[in-house]
């Protein structure tokens, strides 16, 4: 298991249902976009940085090969929203289907967006 691909650390909100978090606190945190950080937790930026390092390391470990990565939807959303240049705000429409495969390409240690919403197996 690659620890850098674990879900976002939610600090004081860990183990709570969304309905148990005061709505105004949740709205205020989500309105920060990339700076969203639950109290005592990590930001989306923190998640993006560690996930990108894990993905580039996986690519380097398997040169010339496709690597299937399975991780939490939050990690996938962070990586894809960054590659799409999105602000990560609640009012942004969904950019991809979380029930499909998403392709990220790594070339020379740099991640870029591949195809979104792929069927398995890949074409």
N, C-alpha and C. Protein backbone atom coordinates (compact mmCIF):
# COMPACT_ATOMS: atom_id res chain seq x y z
N UNK A 1 0.84 -1.18 0.00
CA UNK A 1 0.00 0.00 0.00
C UNK A 1 0.88 1.25 0.00
N UNK A 2 0.56 2.16 -0.87
CA UNK A 2 1.30 3.42 -0.98
C UNK A 2 0.62 4.46 -0.09
N UNK A 3 1.27 4.80 1.02
CA UNK A 3 0.67 5.71 2.01
C UNK A 3 0.41 7.11 1.45
N UNK A 4 1.16 7.51 0.45
CA UNK A 4 0.96 8.85 -0.11
C UNK A 4 -0.33 8.96 -0.92
N UNK A 5 -0.98 7.83 -1.17
CA UNK A 5 -2.25 7.84 -1.90
C UNK A 5 -3.45 7.63 -0.97
N UNK A 6 -3.21 7.79 0.32
CA UNK A 6 -4.32 7.65 1.27
C UNK A 6 -5.23 8.88 1.18
N UNK A 7 -6.43 8.74 1.76
CA UNK A 7 -7.39 9.83 1.70
C UNK A 7 -6.90 11.04 2.50
N UNK A 8 -7.53 12.16 2.27
CA UNK A 8 -7.19 13.39 2.98
C UNK A 8 -7.40 13.20 4.47
N UNK A 9 -6.46 13.69 5.26
CA UNK A 9 -6.59 13.64 6.71
C UNK A 9 -7.55 14.74 7.15
N UNK A 10 -8.63 14.36 7.82
CA UNK A 10 -9.68 15.30 8.19
C UNK A 10 -9.58 15.80 9.63
N UNK A 11 -8.50 15.49 10.32
CA UNK A 11 -8.26 16.05 11.65
C UNK A 11 -9.44 15.89 12.58
N UNK A 12 -9.93 17.02 13.12
CA UNK A 12 -11.03 17.01 14.08
C UNK A 12 -12.33 16.48 13.48
N UNK A 13 -12.45 16.45 12.18
CA UNK A 13 -13.66 15.96 11.53
C UNK A 13 -13.60 14.47 11.23
N UNK A 14 -12.49 13.83 11.51
CA UNK A 14 -12.35 12.39 11.23
C UNK A 14 -13.41 11.60 11.97
N UNK A 15 -14.08 10.72 11.25
CA UNK A 15 -15.09 9.85 11.84
C UNK A 15 -16.46 10.48 11.97
N UNK A 16 -16.59 11.73 11.60
CA UNK A 16 -17.88 12.41 11.70
C UNK A 16 -18.62 12.33 10.36
N UNK A 17 -19.94 12.31 10.43
CA UNK A 17 -20.76 12.42 9.22
C UNK A 17 -20.83 13.90 8.85
N UNK A 18 -21.01 14.17 7.56
CA UNK A 18 -21.11 15.57 7.12
C UNK A 18 -22.20 16.31 7.89
N UNK A 19 -23.30 15.63 8.18
CA UNK A 19 -24.42 16.29 8.88
C UNK A 19 -24.04 16.67 10.32
N UNK A 20 -22.96 16.08 10.87
CA UNK A 20 -22.53 16.39 12.23
C UNK A 20 -21.59 17.60 12.29
N UNK A 21 -21.18 18.08 11.13
CA UNK A 21 -20.30 19.25 11.07
C UNK A 21 -21.19 20.47 10.87
N UNK A 22 -21.03 21.51 11.68
CA UNK A 22 -21.86 22.71 11.49
C UNK A 22 -21.82 23.18 10.04
N UNK A 23 -22.99 23.39 9.45
CA UNK A 23 -23.10 23.74 8.04
C UNK A 23 -22.29 24.98 7.69
N UNK A 24 -22.28 25.98 8.56
CA UNK A 24 -21.54 27.21 8.26
C UNK A 24 -20.04 26.94 8.24
N UNK A 25 -19.55 26.07 9.12
CA UNK A 25 -18.13 25.72 9.13
C UNK A 25 -17.75 24.95 7.87
N UNK A 26 -18.61 24.04 7.46
CA UNK A 26 -18.34 23.25 6.25
C UNK A 26 -18.36 24.14 5.01
N UNK A 27 -19.36 25.01 4.89
CA UNK A 27 -19.44 25.93 3.74
C UNK A 27 -18.22 26.84 3.67
N UNK A 28 -17.82 27.37 4.82
CA UNK A 28 -16.66 28.26 4.86
C UNK A 28 -15.39 27.53 4.44
N UNK A 29 -15.23 26.31 4.89
CA UNK A 29 -14.04 25.53 4.53
C UNK A 29 -14.03 25.20 3.05
N UNK A 30 -15.17 24.75 2.50
CA UNK A 30 -15.25 24.39 1.08
C UNK A 30 -15.07 25.60 0.18
N UNK A 31 -15.48 26.79 0.64
CA UNK A 31 -15.35 28.01 -0.16
C UNK A 31 -13.89 28.42 -0.34
N UNK A 32 -12.98 27.78 0.40
CA UNK A 32 -11.56 28.09 0.27
C UNK A 32 -10.92 27.37 -0.92
N UNK A 33 -11.67 26.52 -1.59
CA UNK A 33 -11.13 25.82 -2.76
C UNK A 33 -9.93 24.97 -2.39
N UNK A 34 -8.80 25.27 -3.00
CA UNK A 34 -7.58 24.50 -2.76
C UNK A 34 -7.09 24.61 -1.32
N UNK A 35 -7.44 25.67 -0.64
CA UNK A 35 -7.01 25.87 0.74
C UNK A 35 -7.90 25.15 1.75
N UNK A 36 -8.93 24.41 1.26
CA UNK A 36 -9.81 23.64 2.15
C UNK A 36 -8.96 22.79 3.07
N UNK A 37 -9.14 23.00 4.36
CA UNK A 37 -8.40 22.24 5.37
C UNK A 37 -9.29 22.06 6.59
N UNK A 38 -9.75 20.85 6.85
CA UNK A 38 -10.53 20.63 8.06
C UNK A 38 -9.66 20.98 9.28
N UNK A 39 -10.28 21.43 10.38
CA UNK A 39 -9.50 21.76 11.57
C UNK A 39 -8.60 20.59 12.00
N UNK A 40 -7.31 20.85 12.10
CA UNK A 40 -6.36 19.81 12.49
C UNK A 40 -6.02 18.83 11.39
N UNK A 41 -6.53 19.05 10.18
CA UNK A 41 -6.29 18.14 9.06
C UNK A 41 -5.32 18.72 8.05
N UNK A 42 -5.31 18.12 6.87
CA UNK A 42 -4.41 18.60 5.82
C UNK A 42 -5.21 19.25 4.71
N UNK A 43 -4.56 20.12 3.96
CA UNK A 43 -5.22 20.83 2.87
C UNK A 43 -5.25 19.97 1.61
N UNK A 44 -6.07 20.40 0.67
CA UNK A 44 -6.09 19.73 -0.63
C UNK A 44 -4.74 19.88 -1.32
N UNK A 45 -4.07 20.97 -1.09
CA UNK A 45 -2.73 21.17 -1.67
C UNK A 45 -1.78 20.10 -1.13
N UNK A 46 -1.83 19.85 0.17
CA UNK A 46 -0.99 18.80 0.77
C UNK A 46 -1.26 17.45 0.12
N UNK A 47 -2.53 17.13 -0.08
CA UNK A 47 -2.91 15.86 -0.69
C UNK A 47 -2.37 15.79 -2.12
N UNK A 48 -2.53 16.88 -2.88
CA UNK A 48 -2.06 16.91 -4.26
C UNK A 48 -0.57 16.67 -4.35
N UNK A 49 0.19 17.33 -3.51
CA UNK A 49 1.65 17.20 -3.57
C UNK A 49 2.09 15.78 -3.29
N UNK A 50 1.56 15.18 -2.22
CA UNK A 50 2.00 13.81 -1.90
C UNK A 50 1.52 12.80 -2.93
N UNK A 51 0.31 13.00 -3.48
CA UNK A 51 -0.21 12.09 -4.49
C UNK A 51 0.60 12.20 -5.78
N UNK A 52 0.94 13.42 -6.18
CA UNK A 52 1.74 13.59 -7.39
C UNK A 52 3.11 12.93 -7.25
N UNK A 53 3.72 13.03 -6.08
CA UNK A 53 5.01 12.37 -5.85
C UNK A 53 4.86 10.85 -5.96
N UNK A 54 3.78 10.32 -5.40
CA UNK A 54 3.55 8.87 -5.47
C UNK A 54 3.35 8.42 -6.92
N UNK A 55 2.60 9.19 -7.70
CA UNK A 55 2.35 8.82 -9.09
C UNK A 55 3.61 8.91 -9.94
N UNK A 56 4.40 9.94 -9.75
CA UNK A 56 5.63 10.05 -10.54
C UNK A 56 6.62 8.95 -10.14
N UNK A 57 6.68 8.61 -8.85
CA UNK A 57 7.55 7.52 -8.41
C UNK A 57 7.10 6.18 -9.00
N UNK A 58 5.79 5.96 -9.06
CA UNK A 58 5.27 4.71 -9.65
C UNK A 58 5.63 4.64 -11.13
N UNK A 59 5.55 5.77 -11.82
CA UNK A 59 5.91 5.79 -13.24
C UNK A 59 7.40 5.49 -13.44
N UNK A 60 8.22 6.08 -12.61
CA UNK A 60 9.68 5.84 -12.71
C UNK A 60 10.03 4.39 -12.42
N UNK A 61 9.27 3.76 -11.52
CA UNK A 61 9.54 2.37 -11.14
C UNK A 61 9.11 1.38 -12.23
N UNK A 62 8.28 1.83 -13.17
CA UNK A 62 7.78 0.95 -14.24
C UNK A 62 7.89 1.66 -15.58
N UNK A 63 9.10 2.00 -16.01
CA UNK A 63 9.25 2.77 -17.25
C UNK A 63 8.66 2.05 -18.46
N UNK A 64 7.92 2.80 -19.26
CA UNK A 64 7.34 2.26 -20.48
C UNK A 64 6.12 1.38 -20.27
N UNK A 65 5.63 1.30 -19.05
CA UNK A 65 4.49 0.43 -18.76
C UNK A 65 3.33 1.26 -18.21
N UNK A 66 2.13 0.75 -18.42
CA UNK A 66 0.96 1.35 -17.79
C UNK A 66 0.89 0.87 -16.35
N UNK A 67 0.50 1.77 -15.44
CA UNK A 67 0.37 1.44 -14.03
C UNK A 67 -1.07 1.76 -13.62
N UNK A 68 -1.77 0.78 -13.08
CA UNK A 68 -3.12 0.99 -12.58
C UNK A 68 -3.01 1.39 -11.11
N UNK A 69 -3.58 2.54 -10.77
CA UNK A 69 -3.56 3.04 -9.40
C UNK A 69 -4.99 3.08 -8.90
N UNK A 70 -5.20 2.47 -7.76
CA UNK A 70 -6.52 2.49 -7.13
C UNK A 70 -6.39 3.29 -5.84
N UNK A 71 -7.21 4.32 -5.71
CA UNK A 71 -7.13 5.17 -4.52
C UNK A 71 -8.49 5.79 -4.24
N UNK A 72 -8.54 6.63 -3.24
CA UNK A 72 -9.78 7.29 -2.83
C UNK A 72 -10.21 8.34 -3.84
N UNK A 73 -11.52 8.53 -3.95
CA UNK A 73 -12.07 9.51 -4.88
C UNK A 73 -11.53 10.91 -4.59
N UNK A 74 -11.33 11.24 -3.31
CA UNK A 74 -10.80 12.56 -2.96
C UNK A 74 -9.42 12.79 -3.54
N UNK A 75 -8.58 11.77 -3.52
CA UNK A 75 -7.23 11.89 -4.10
C UNK A 75 -7.33 12.07 -5.61
N UNK A 76 -8.19 11.31 -6.23
CA UNK A 76 -8.38 11.42 -7.68
C UNK A 76 -8.88 12.82 -8.04
N UNK A 77 -9.85 13.31 -7.28
CA UNK A 77 -10.40 14.65 -7.54
C UNK A 77 -9.33 15.72 -7.42
N UNK A 78 -8.47 15.60 -6.41
CA UNK A 78 -7.41 16.59 -6.21
C UNK A 78 -6.45 16.60 -7.40
N UNK A 79 -5.98 15.44 -7.80
CA UNK A 79 -5.03 15.37 -8.92
C UNK A 79 -5.68 15.88 -10.21
N UNK A 80 -6.88 15.40 -10.52
CA UNK A 80 -7.53 15.82 -11.77
C UNK A 80 -7.91 17.29 -11.76
N UNK A 81 -8.42 17.80 -10.65
CA UNK A 81 -8.77 19.23 -10.61
C UNK A 81 -7.53 20.10 -10.81
N UNK A 82 -6.41 19.67 -10.28
CA UNK A 82 -5.17 20.42 -10.50
C UNK A 82 -4.79 20.39 -11.99
N UNK A 83 -4.80 19.20 -12.58
CA UNK A 83 -4.41 19.08 -13.99
C UNK A 83 -5.38 19.81 -14.91
N UNK A 84 -6.62 19.94 -14.50
CA UNK A 84 -7.63 20.66 -15.29
C UNK A 84 -7.59 22.17 -15.04
N UNK A 85 -6.79 22.61 -14.07
CA UNK A 85 -6.69 24.03 -13.77
C UNK A 85 -7.92 24.60 -13.09
N UNK A 86 -8.60 23.77 -12.34
CA UNK A 86 -9.85 24.19 -11.69
C UNK A 86 -9.56 24.82 -10.32
N UNK A 87 -10.54 25.59 -9.84
CA UNK A 87 -10.41 26.29 -8.55
C UNK A 87 -10.83 25.42 -7.37
N UNK A 88 -11.48 24.31 -7.63
CA UNK A 88 -11.94 23.36 -6.62
C UNK A 88 -12.97 24.00 -5.69
N UNK A 89 -13.89 24.72 -6.28
CA UNK A 89 -14.96 25.36 -5.53
C UNK A 89 -16.25 24.57 -5.66
N UNK A 90 -17.12 24.62 -4.65
CA UNK A 90 -18.34 23.82 -4.67
C UNK A 90 -19.25 24.07 -5.87
N UNK A 91 -19.24 25.29 -6.40
CA UNK A 91 -20.15 25.60 -7.52
C UNK A 91 -19.66 25.10 -8.87
N UNK A 92 -18.42 24.59 -8.94
CA UNK A 92 -17.92 24.05 -10.20
C UNK A 92 -18.64 22.74 -10.53
N UNK A 93 -19.08 22.58 -11.77
CA UNK A 93 -19.72 21.31 -12.14
C UNK A 93 -18.69 20.18 -12.15
N UNK A 94 -19.19 18.97 -12.00
CA UNK A 94 -18.30 17.80 -12.03
C UNK A 94 -17.56 17.75 -13.35
N UNK A 95 -16.28 17.43 -13.29
CA UNK A 95 -15.44 17.39 -14.50
C UNK A 95 -15.24 15.97 -15.02
N UNK A 96 -15.58 14.99 -14.20
CA UNK A 96 -15.39 13.60 -14.59
C UNK A 96 -16.36 12.74 -13.79
N UNK A 97 -16.55 11.52 -14.28
CA UNK A 97 -17.44 10.56 -13.63
C UNK A 97 -16.62 9.74 -12.64
N UNK A 98 -16.92 9.83 -11.34
CA UNK A 98 -16.13 9.10 -10.35
C UNK A 98 -16.27 7.58 -10.44
N UNK A 99 -17.22 7.11 -11.23
CA UNK A 99 -17.42 5.67 -11.38
C UNK A 99 -16.67 5.10 -12.59
N UNK A 100 -15.88 5.92 -13.24
CA UNK A 100 -15.13 5.49 -14.44
C UNK A 100 -13.63 5.58 -14.17
N UNK A 101 -12.85 5.08 -15.08
CA UNK A 101 -11.39 5.16 -14.99
C UNK A 101 -10.92 6.49 -15.54
N UNK A 102 -9.90 7.05 -14.89
CA UNK A 102 -9.33 8.33 -15.31
C UNK A 102 -7.85 8.09 -15.62
N UNK A 103 -7.37 8.68 -16.68
CA UNK A 103 -5.99 8.46 -17.11
C UNK A 103 -5.14 9.71 -16.86
N UNK A 104 -4.04 9.49 -16.17
CA UNK A 104 -3.04 10.53 -15.97
C UNK A 104 -1.76 10.01 -16.60
N UNK A 105 -1.09 10.86 -17.34
CA UNK A 105 0.14 10.49 -18.05
C UNK A 105 1.32 11.11 -17.32
N UNK A 106 2.37 10.33 -17.16
CA UNK A 106 3.60 10.86 -16.56
C UNK A 106 4.72 10.70 -17.57
N UNK A 107 5.30 11.82 -17.96
CA UNK A 107 6.42 11.80 -18.89
C UNK A 107 7.53 12.68 -18.34
N UNK A 108 8.69 12.09 -18.19
CA UNK A 108 9.85 12.80 -17.64
C UNK A 108 9.53 13.43 -16.29
N UNK A 109 8.78 12.71 -15.46
CA UNK A 109 8.46 13.17 -14.12
C UNK A 109 7.40 14.25 -14.04
N UNK A 110 6.71 14.52 -15.15
CA UNK A 110 5.67 15.55 -15.17
C UNK A 110 4.33 14.89 -15.48
N UNK A 111 3.35 15.18 -14.65
CA UNK A 111 2.01 14.63 -14.86
C UNK A 111 1.22 15.51 -15.81
N UNK A 112 0.42 14.87 -16.65
CA UNK A 112 -0.51 15.58 -17.52
C UNK A 112 -1.79 14.77 -17.61
N UNK A 113 -2.82 15.41 -18.09
CA UNK A 113 -4.12 14.77 -18.19
C UNK A 113 -4.16 13.86 -19.41
N UNK A 114 -4.62 12.65 -19.20
CA UNK A 114 -4.87 11.72 -20.30
C UNK A 114 -6.34 11.78 -20.64
N UNK A 115 -6.94 10.63 -20.85
CA UNK A 115 -8.37 10.58 -21.15
C UNK A 115 -9.18 10.42 -19.88
N UNK A 116 -10.37 11.01 -19.88
CA UNK A 116 -11.27 10.91 -18.74
C UNK A 116 -12.41 9.95 -19.05
N UNK A 117 -12.94 9.36 -18.01
CA UNK A 117 -14.14 8.52 -18.08
C UNK A 117 -13.97 7.33 -19.03
N UNK A 118 -12.88 6.64 -18.89
CA UNK A 118 -12.60 5.47 -19.74
C UNK A 118 -13.33 4.22 -19.24
N UNK A 119 -13.61 3.33 -20.18
CA UNK A 119 -14.09 2.00 -19.85
C UNK A 119 -12.88 1.11 -19.61
N UNK A 120 -13.05 0.05 -18.90
CA UNK A 120 -11.99 -0.92 -18.72
C UNK A 120 -12.27 -2.12 -19.61
N UNK A 121 -11.34 -2.69 -20.30
CA UNK A 121 -9.92 -2.30 -20.30
C UNK A 121 -9.69 -1.08 -21.17
N UNK A 122 -8.52 -0.48 -20.96
CA UNK A 122 -8.15 0.70 -21.73
C UNK A 122 -8.08 0.37 -23.22
N UNK A 123 -8.34 1.37 -24.06
CA UNK A 123 -8.23 1.14 -25.52
C UNK A 123 -6.80 0.83 -25.92
